[in-house]
Amino acid sequence: MSTRLFSTLGIASCWFLLSCGSGPPPPSATQYLADARSNLGASDFNAALKNLERSVKLGGEPALLQQSAVLRTAVVIALAESSKQMADAYHLGRKEPAAQAKYSAFNAMRADYYGTARSRLMDAMQSVMDQRSKLGAVPISLELSFPGFTGVADPALGKIKDGHWVEDAERQGAEFKTERNALARTLTALVGAGEDPNKGKDLFSKGKVDLDPRVYLIESSAAFLRIGVIFDRRGLDELDHLRTVNEVVRDNLDVALKLLAAKPDKDLEARAKKMRADCERTLKVLMP
């Protein structure tokens, strides 16, 4: 009897240890997306990116996967845009007489921000390339708290452009505000609300916003071209990367035009065709 009791207790102990060792189940794609929304509400963009990446990797329901992928792309575009703005400020400021004593430091900050913009831009372009085959006529629903924005550049950017050195705390504050403004503008454009973040805020305040895949392809491509000027001779002088930007945009617009053929919109079609023609002209100039 005692042997049987000990055997029973032993089995129970094993089950207890196994249950303790297994721990709670990992978060789902839905939970990662919810966490990313919370991160964005707190303007914690790095944490948001990590959670969106996890949500995308887990996949699952197509609508959820698309929302996670689109939000991730929007954040990366905004971070690339803000890094470009910071780099441009140091690029201009280093030429001012007030910056001569700090010329090397201005150059270093310029290179760092341009490098970050390059990395983010390449990431965003790859994300859209991965999404192209999955985009169709069905709108993509987005739901999140619209980021806070000021609508104007941070004063520290003006100081930098005038050649005045700013310390890390002031620089980081300017970077943070620039990121929020860039995300507000990016989301506004992607949902077809133009260039006024106030219109974007109004749309998102009503709940879910339907994103038109055709607009998404055109507006993300416009952002790639705008940020991609960092690769011209006045910036990083990386013409191979500038060629890549124009190739990616051209192919994005081919997909957009196919979607527009199935569901016409004269204004969108005209814009897509003009952008595509501009890319073709640029590519001819850049041909090795």
Protein backbone atom coordinates (compact mmCIF):
# COMPACT_ATOMS: atom_id res chain seq x y z
CA MET A 1 0.00 0.00 0.00
CA SER A 2 2.82 2.40 0.87
CA THR A 3 4.56 1.55 -2.44
CA ARG A 4 1.40 2.36 -4.40
CA LEU A 5 1.02 5.63 -2.46
CA PHE A 6 4.59 6.67 -3.21
CA SER A 7 4.11 5.83 -6.90
CA THR A 8 0.98 7.96 -7.05
CA LEU A 9 2.74 10.84 -5.32
CA GLY A 10 5.70 10.48 -7.69
CA ILE A 11 3.46 10.70 -10.78
CA ALA A 12 1.67 13.73 -9.35
CA SER A 13 5.01 15.42 -8.63
CA CYS A 14 6.18 14.84 -12.19
CA TRP A 15 3.02 16.36 -13.63
CA PHE A 16 3.40 19.33 -11.27
CA LEU A 17 7.01 19.90 -12.30
CA LEU A 18 6.17 19.58 -15.99
CA SER A 19 3.30 22.03 -15.70
CA CYS A 20 5.51 24.51 -13.87
CA GLY A 21 8.34 24.12 -16.37
CA SER A 22 6.19 24.68 -19.42
CA GLY A 23 5.17 28.20 -18.36
CA PRO A 24 2.45 30.34 -19.95
CA PRO A 25 1.86 30.10 -23.71
CA PRO A 26 3.68 32.67 -25.86
CA PRO A 27 1.72 35.74 -26.98
CA SER A 28 -0.33 35.43 -30.15
CA ALA A 29 -0.02 37.61 -33.26
CA THR A 30 -3.12 39.47 -32.06
CA GLN A 31 -1.49 40.20 -28.70
CA TYR A 32 1.72 41.40 -30.33
CA LEU A 33 -0.32 43.76 -32.53
CA ALA A 34 -2.20 45.05 -29.48
CA ASP A 35 1.11 45.60 -27.67
CA ALA A 36 2.45 47.46 -30.71
CA ARG A 37 -0.58 49.75 -30.67
CA SER A 38 0.13 50.51 -27.01
CA ASN A 39 3.78 51.19 -27.86
CA LEU A 40 2.76 53.59 -30.61
CA GLY A 41 0.38 55.35 -28.24
CA ALA A 42 3.36 55.92 -25.94
CA SER A 43 5.60 56.92 -28.90
CA ASP A 44 7.91 53.98 -28.15
CA PHE A 45 8.71 53.27 -31.79
CA ASN A 46 11.48 50.73 -31.25
CA ALA A 47 9.27 48.57 -29.04
CA ALA A 48 6.42 48.93 -31.56
CA LEU A 49 8.67 47.69 -34.36
CA LYS A 50 9.72 44.63 -32.37
CA ASN A 51 6.12 43.70 -31.59
CA LEU A 52 4.99 44.28 -35.16
CA GLU A 53 7.83 42.11 -36.44
CA ARG A 54 6.75 39.34 -34.07
CA SER A 55 3.14 39.68 -35.20
CA VAL A 56 4.15 39.48 -38.87
CA LYS A 57 6.35 36.43 -38.29
CA LEU A 58 3.56 34.55 -36.53
CA GLY A 59 1.24 35.21 -39.49
CA GLY A 60 -2.23 33.81 -38.99
CA GLU A 61 -5.35 35.58 -40.21
CA PRO A 62 -4.58 37.50 -43.47
CA ALA A 63 -6.32 40.70 -42.34
CA LEU A 64 -4.32 40.79 -39.10
CA LEU A 65 -1.09 39.99 -40.92
CA GLN A 66 -1.67 42.79 -43.42
CA GLN A 67 -2.44 45.32 -40.70
CA SER A 68 0.74 44.41 -38.80
CA ALA A 69 2.83 44.56 -41.98
CA VAL A 70 1.39 47.91 -43.09
CA LEU A 71 1.82 49.49 -39.65
CA ARG A 72 5.38 48.24 -39.48
CA THR A 73 6.11 49.74 -42.90
CA ALA A 74 4.57 53.06 -41.86
CA VAL A 75 6.75 53.22 -38.74
CA VAL A 76 9.93 52.35 -40.65
CA ILE A 77 9.16 54.95 -43.34
CA ALA A 78 8.61 57.58 -40.63
CA LEU A 79 11.88 56.71 -38.89
CA ALA A 80 13.73 56.88 -42.22
CA GLU A 81 12.12 60.24 -42.94
CA SER A 82 13.01 61.65 -39.52
CA SER A 83 16.62 60.42 -39.77
CA LYS A 84 16.89 62.11 -43.16
CA GLN A 85 15.61 65.37 -41.69
CA MET A 86 18.15 65.20 -38.88
CA ALA A 87 20.94 64.38 -41.34
CA ASP A 88 19.90 67.21 -43.66
CA ALA A 89 20.10 69.65 -40.75
CA TYR A 90 23.70 68.64 -39.99
CA HIS A 91 24.51 68.62 -43.71
CA LEU A 92 23.44 72.26 -43.98
CA GLY A 93 24.80 73.33 -40.60
CA ARG A 94 28.34 72.09 -41.21
CA LYS A 95 28.73 74.69 -43.99
CA GLU A 96 27.89 77.62 -41.72
CA PRO A 97 30.68 79.76 -40.21
CA ALA A 98 29.41 79.02 -36.70
CA ALA A 99 30.08 75.29 -37.22
CA GLN A 100 33.73 75.52 -38.25
CA ALA A 101 35.05 74.64 -34.78
CA LYS A 102 32.76 71.59 -34.75
CA TYR A 103 33.02 70.66 -38.42
CA SER A 104 34.14 67.08 -37.75
CA ALA A 105 31.40 66.55 -35.17
CA PHE A 106 28.78 67.90 -37.60
CA ASN A 107 30.09 65.54 -40.27
CA ALA A 108 29.94 62.57 -37.90
CA MET A 109 26.32 63.28 -36.94
CA ARG A 110 25.43 63.79 -40.60
CA ALA A 111 26.96 60.41 -41.50
CA ASP A 112 25.26 58.62 -38.60
CA TYR A 113 21.80 59.95 -39.44
CA TYR A 114 22.20 59.34 -43.16
CA GLY A 115 23.33 55.79 -42.38
CA THR A 116 20.24 55.20 -40.25
CA ALA A 117 18.02 56.68 -42.97
CA ARG A 118 19.64 54.34 -45.52
CA SER A 119 19.04 51.27 -43.37
CA ARG A 120 15.44 52.21 -42.59
CA LEU A 121 14.64 53.04 -46.22
CA MET A 122 15.98 49.71 -47.47
CA ASP A 123 13.97 47.93 -44.78
CA ALA A 124 10.76 49.75 -45.73
CA MET A 125 11.22 49.05 -49.44
CA GLN A 126 11.78 45.36 -48.77
CA SER A 127 8.63 45.28 -46.64
CA VAL A 128 6.50 46.68 -49.46
CA MET A 129 8.11 44.29 -51.94
CA ASP A 130 7.14 41.40 -49.66
CA GLN A 131 3.55 42.69 -49.51
CA ARG A 132 3.01 43.42 -53.22
CA SER A 133 1.70 39.99 -54.22
CA LYS A 134 -0.78 39.99 -51.34
CA LEU A 135 -2.38 43.35 -52.11
CA GLY A 136 -5.70 43.37 -53.91
CA ALA A 137 -9.03 45.14 -54.07
CA VAL A 138 -9.90 44.58 -50.41
CA PRO A 139 -9.06 47.58 -48.15
CA ILE A 140 -6.76 47.05 -45.18
CA SER A 141 -8.24 48.14 -41.85
CA LEU A 142 -6.00 50.09 -39.51
CA GLU A 143 -6.81 50.90 -35.92
CA LEU A 144 -4.53 52.83 -33.57
CA SER A 145 -4.20 56.02 -31.60
CA PHE A 146 -2.94 58.74 -33.92
CA PRO A 147 0.52 59.96 -32.86
CA GLY A 148 0.97 63.33 -31.25
CA PHE A 149 2.44 65.91 -33.60
CA THR A 150 3.36 69.58 -33.60
CA GLY A 151 3.07 70.28 -37.30
CA VAL A 152 6.29 72.31 -37.26
CA ALA A 153 9.98 71.43 -37.03
CA ASP A 154 11.61 71.39 -33.61
CA PRO A 155 13.57 74.62 -32.87
CA ALA A 156 16.74 72.58 -32.33
CA LEU A 157 16.75 71.68 -36.03
CA GLY A 158 16.89 75.37 -36.85
CA LYS A 159 19.88 75.81 -34.54
CA ILE A 160 21.69 72.90 -36.17
CA LYS A 161 21.01 74.25 -39.67
CA ASP A 162 22.48 77.60 -38.57
CA GLY A 163 25.68 75.83 -37.50
CA HIS A 164 25.09 75.82 -33.76
CA TRP A 165 25.98 72.68 -31.85
CA VAL A 166 23.28 71.25 -29.59
CA GLU A 167 23.93 68.83 -26.75
CA ASP A 168 22.56 65.28 -26.70
CA ALA A 169 19.47 65.98 -24.59
CA GLU A 170 18.29 68.74 -26.93
CA ARG A 171 19.21 66.72 -30.03
CA GLN A 172 17.36 63.63 -28.78
CA GLY A 173 14.33 65.73 -27.96
CA ALA A 174 14.34 67.11 -31.50
CA GLU A 175 14.74 63.61 -32.92
CA PHE A 176 11.78 62.35 -30.88
CA LYS A 177 9.50 65.18 -32.04
CA THR A 178 10.66 64.73 -35.62
CA GLU A 179 9.79 61.03 -35.47
CA ARG A 180 6.29 61.72 -34.16
CA ASN A 181 5.67 64.38 -36.81
CA ALA A 182 6.96 62.04 -39.52
CA LEU A 183 4.71 59.19 -38.39
CA ALA A 184 1.67 61.48 -38.30
CA ARG A 185 2.39 62.63 -41.86
CA THR A 186 3.14 59.12 -43.08
CA LEU A 187 -0.10 57.66 -41.73
CA THR A 188 -2.04 60.63 -43.09
CA ALA A 189 -0.66 60.08 -46.59
CA LEU A 190 -1.08 56.30 -46.56
CA VAL A 191 -4.80 56.52 -45.77
CA GLY A 192 -5.38 59.04 -48.54
CA ALA A 193 -5.77 62.17 -46.41
CA GLY A 194 -3.09 64.15 -48.19
CA GLU A 195 -0.45 66.17 -46.35
CA ASP A 196 -2.48 67.56 -43.44
CA PRO A 197 -1.95 65.51 -40.24
CA ASN A 198 -5.07 67.10 -38.76
CA LYS A 199 -7.13 65.29 -41.38
CA GLY A 200 -5.36 62.06 -40.53
CA LYS A 201 -6.06 62.59 -36.86
CA ASP A 202 -9.75 63.13 -37.58
CA LEU A 203 -9.95 59.90 -39.57
CA PHE A 204 -8.24 57.74 -36.96
CA SER A 205 -10.26 59.30 -34.12
CA LYS A 206 -13.39 57.68 -35.58
CA GLY A 207 -12.04 54.15 -35.13
CA LYS A 208 -10.92 51.80 -37.88
CA VAL A 209 -9.62 53.42 -41.05
CA ASP A 210 -9.75 51.59 -44.37
CA LEU A 211 -6.50 51.86 -46.29
CA ASP A 212 -6.76 51.57 -50.08
CA PRO A 213 -3.94 49.26 -51.34
CA ARG A 214 -3.55 51.41 -54.47
CA VAL A 215 -3.01 54.53 -52.36
CA TYR A 216 -0.69 52.59 -50.08
CA LEU A 217 1.56 51.58 -52.99
CA ILE A 218 1.60 55.08 -54.48
CA GLU A 219 2.16 56.97 -51.23
CA SER A 220 4.80 54.60 -49.88
CA SER A 221 6.58 54.88 -53.25
CA ALA A 222 6.42 58.67 -53.07
CA ALA A 223 8.05 58.48 -49.64
CA PHE A 224 10.78 56.19 -51.00
CA LEU A 225 11.61 58.69 -53.74
CA ARG A 226 11.57 61.59 -51.28
CA ILE A 227 13.88 59.85 -48.81
CA GLY A 228 15.96 58.28 -51.57
CA VAL A 229 17.50 61.63 -52.54
CA ILE A 230 19.99 60.94 -49.74
CA PHE A 231 21.77 58.73 -52.30
CA ASP A 232 22.42 61.45 -54.88
CA ARG A 233 25.78 63.15 -55.34
CA ARG A 234 24.95 65.92 -52.86
CA GLY A 235 24.25 63.34 -50.14
CA LEU A 236 25.83 59.92 -49.78
CA ASP A 237 26.78 59.70 -53.47
CA GLU A 238 25.57 56.10 -53.66
CA LEU A 239 24.07 56.02 -57.13
CA ASP A 240 23.64 52.23 -57.08
CA HIS A 241 21.24 52.64 -54.15
CA LEU A 242 19.48 55.51 -55.91
CA ARG A 243 18.98 53.20 -58.88
CA THR A 244 17.56 50.52 -56.57
CA VAL A 245 15.06 53.00 -55.11
CA ASN A 246 13.79 53.91 -58.57
CA GLU A 247 13.57 50.27 -59.62
CA VAL A 248 11.56 49.33 -56.55
CA VAL A 249 9.24 52.31 -57.00
CA ARG A 250 8.74 51.53 -60.69
CA ASP A 251 7.75 47.94 -59.85
CA ASN A 252 5.47 49.12 -57.03
CA LEU A 253 3.69 51.40 -59.47
CA ASP A 254 3.28 48.56 -61.97
CA VAL A 255 1.32 46.69 -59.29
CA ALA A 256 -0.66 49.82 -58.45
CA LEU A 257 -1.56 50.33 -62.12
CA LYS A 258 -2.79 46.75 -62.38
CA LEU A 259 -5.04 47.35 -59.38
CA LEU A 260 -6.20 50.60 -60.95
CA ALA A 261 -7.06 48.79 -64.18
CA ALA A 262 -9.42 46.59 -62.18
CA LYS A 263 -10.83 49.49 -60.19
CA PRO A 264 -10.19 52.78 -62.04
CA ASP A 265 -9.44 56.13 -60.46
CA LYS A 266 -8.28 58.79 -62.94
CA ASP A 267 -6.40 60.92 -60.41
CA LEU A 268 -4.52 58.00 -58.88
CA GLU A 269 -3.76 56.57 -62.31
CA ALA A 270 -2.39 59.89 -63.57
CA ARG A 271 -0.17 60.26 -60.52
CA ALA A 272 1.10 56.67 -60.75
CA LYS A 273 1.92 57.04 -64.45
CA LYS A 274 3.77 60.32 -63.92
CA MET A 275 5.82 58.88 -61.05
CA ARG A 276 6.63 55.82 -63.12
CA ALA A 277 7.73 57.94 -66.08
CA ASP A 278 9.96 59.99 -63.74
CA CYS A 279 11.55 56.78 -62.47
CA GLU A 280 12.23 55.57 -66.01
CA ARG A 281 13.93 58.87 -66.88
CA THR A 282 16.06 58.70 -63.74
CA LEU A 283 17.03 55.09 -64.44
CA LYS A 284 18.17 55.99 -67.95
CA VAL A 285 20.45 58.66 -66.51
CA LEU A 286 21.78 56.21 -63.90
CA MET A 287 22.46 53.38 -66.35
CA PRO A 288 26.07 52.21 -65.93
